[in-house]
Structure formats: structure tokens, C-alpha cells
Amino acid sequence: MTQGLITPGEPAPDFELADTHGNLVRLSSFYGGKPVVLAFLRGFS
């Protein structure tokens, strides 16, 4: 399945990721609040 690119100014698609404690967090749970910043950190070996 191919997905299109996100266009600036459009709402981000809803998704779910694990936080630093392993708890699942859904983007839509922050709707209507403060802006959300995502940081994808890369692990070091």
C-alpha cells in the first residue's frame, strides 16, 4: 500500500507510537491542545 505525502497546512494522519516508557500514545489524543513536536531518536550501539 502506497501512501501520499503530507501537504503543508493539512492535518497529520492519526497514528500510534510507544513513548519512552513503552506506553502507546495516539496523536489524536492531543487534538485541540498545544502543538505536538515529534523527535525520532536513533539508538546507539
N, C-alpha and C. Protein backbone atom coordinates (compact mmCIF):
# COMPACT_ATOMS: atom_id res chain seq x y z
N MET A 1 0.85 -1.18 0.00
CA MET A 1 0.00 0.00 0.00
C MET A 1 0.89 1.24 0.00
N THR A 2 0.68 2.11 -0.97
CA THR A 2 1.45 3.34 -1.08
C THR A 2 0.65 4.49 -0.51
N GLN A 3 1.29 5.30 0.33
CA GLN A 3 0.62 6.45 0.93
C GLN A 3 1.20 7.72 0.30
N GLY A 4 0.37 8.74 0.16
CA GLY A 4 0.83 10.01 -0.38
C GLY A 4 1.59 10.82 0.66
N LEU A 5 2.22 11.87 0.18
CA LEU A 5 2.95 12.76 1.07
C LEU A 5 1.99 13.65 1.84
N ILE A 6 2.43 14.13 2.96
CA ILE A 6 1.64 15.07 3.75
C ILE A 6 1.87 16.47 3.17
N THR A 7 0.79 17.17 2.90
CA THR A 7 0.87 18.52 2.35
C THR A 7 0.92 19.52 3.49
N PRO A 8 1.82 20.50 3.43
CA PRO A 8 1.87 21.51 4.49
C PRO A 8 0.51 22.18 4.68
N GLY A 9 0.13 22.37 5.93
CA GLY A 9 -1.13 23.01 6.26
C GLY A 9 -2.28 22.04 6.47
N GLU A 10 -2.11 20.79 6.04
CA GLU A 10 -3.15 19.78 6.26
C GLU A 10 -2.90 19.07 7.58
N PRO A 11 -3.96 18.59 8.23
CA PRO A 11 -3.77 17.84 9.48
C PRO A 11 -2.98 16.56 9.24
N ALA A 12 -2.17 16.21 10.20
CA ALA A 12 -1.38 14.97 10.11
C ALA A 12 -2.31 13.78 10.27
N PRO A 13 -2.00 12.68 9.61
CA PRO A 13 -2.82 11.48 9.81
C PRO A 13 -2.64 10.95 11.23
N ASP A 14 -3.68 10.34 11.76
CA ASP A 14 -3.60 9.81 13.11
C ASP A 14 -2.70 8.57 13.12
N PHE A 15 -1.90 8.42 14.15
CA PHE A 15 -1.06 7.24 14.31
C PHE A 15 -0.79 7.02 15.79
N GLU A 16 -0.21 5.87 16.10
CA GLU A 16 0.07 5.50 17.48
C GLU A 16 1.51 5.00 17.57
N LEU A 17 2.24 5.48 18.58
CA LEU A 17 3.62 5.08 18.82
C LEU A 17 3.83 4.86 20.32
N ALA A 18 4.86 4.12 20.66
CA ALA A 18 5.21 3.92 22.06
C ALA A 18 6.04 5.10 22.56
N ASP A 19 5.76 5.53 23.80
CA ASP A 19 6.57 6.59 24.40
C ASP A 19 7.83 5.97 25.00
N THR A 20 8.62 6.77 25.71
CA THR A 20 9.87 6.28 26.28
C THR A 20 9.69 5.24 27.37
N HIS A 21 8.45 5.10 27.86
CA HIS A 21 8.14 4.10 28.89
C HIS A 21 7.44 2.87 28.31
N GLY A 22 7.25 2.86 26.98
CA GLY A 22 6.60 1.73 26.34
C GLY A 22 5.09 1.83 26.26
N ASN A 23 4.52 2.93 26.74
CA ASN A 23 3.06 3.13 26.69
C ASN A 23 2.67 3.64 25.30
N LEU A 24 1.59 3.09 24.74
CA LEU A 24 1.13 3.56 23.44
C LEU A 24 0.44 4.90 23.57
N VAL A 25 0.79 5.82 22.68
CA VAL A 25 0.22 7.17 22.68
C VAL A 25 -0.30 7.44 21.27
N ARG A 26 -1.53 7.93 21.17
CA ARG A 26 -2.15 8.22 19.87
C ARG A 26 -2.12 9.72 19.63
N LEU A 27 -1.73 10.13 18.43
CA LEU A 27 -1.66 11.55 18.10
C LEU A 27 -2.99 12.26 18.33
N SER A 28 -4.09 11.63 17.98
CA SER A 28 -5.41 12.27 18.12
C SER A 28 -5.76 12.60 19.57
N SER A 29 -5.08 11.99 20.54
CA SER A 29 -5.37 12.30 21.94
C SER A 29 -4.90 13.72 22.32
N PHE A 30 -4.08 14.34 21.47
CA PHE A 30 -3.59 15.69 21.72
C PHE A 30 -4.35 16.75 20.93
N TYR A 31 -5.36 16.33 20.15
CA TYR A 31 -6.11 17.25 19.31
C TYR A 31 -6.75 18.35 20.16
N GLY A 32 -6.59 19.60 19.71
CA GLY A 32 -7.19 20.74 20.41
C GLY A 32 -6.32 21.31 21.50
N GLY A 33 -5.18 20.71 21.76
CA GLY A 33 -4.28 21.20 22.80
C GLY A 33 -3.13 21.99 22.20
N LYS A 34 -2.03 21.97 22.88
CA LYS A 34 -0.83 22.67 22.43
C LYS A 34 -0.22 21.93 21.23
N PRO A 35 0.64 22.60 20.46
CA PRO A 35 1.29 21.92 19.33
C PRO A 35 2.10 20.71 19.79
N VAL A 36 2.21 19.72 18.93
CA VAL A 36 2.94 18.49 19.23
C VAL A 36 4.24 18.48 18.43
N VAL A 37 5.34 18.16 19.09
CA VAL A 37 6.64 18.04 18.44
C VAL A 37 7.09 16.59 18.58
N LEU A 38 7.43 15.96 17.45
CA LEU A 38 7.91 14.58 17.48
C LEU A 38 9.42 14.57 17.31
N ALA A 39 10.08 13.76 18.11
CA ALA A 39 11.53 13.59 17.99
C ALA A 39 11.81 12.10 17.82
N PHE A 40 12.33 11.73 16.68
CA PHE A 40 12.67 10.33 16.42
C PHE A 40 14.15 10.17 16.70
N LEU A 41 14.47 9.60 17.86
CA LEU A 41 15.86 9.43 18.28
C LEU A 41 16.38 8.08 17.81
N ARG A 42 17.58 8.08 17.37
CA ARG A 42 18.21 6.86 16.89
C ARG A 42 19.06 6.28 18.01
N GLY A 43 18.92 4.99 18.26
CA GLY A 43 19.69 4.35 19.31
C GLY A 43 21.15 4.20 18.95
N PHE A 44 21.99 4.09 19.94
CA PHE A 44 23.43 3.92 19.71
C PHE A 44 23.83 2.53 20.21
N SER A 45 24.67 1.87 19.44
CA SER A 45 25.14 0.53 19.83
C SER A 45 26.53 0.59 20.39
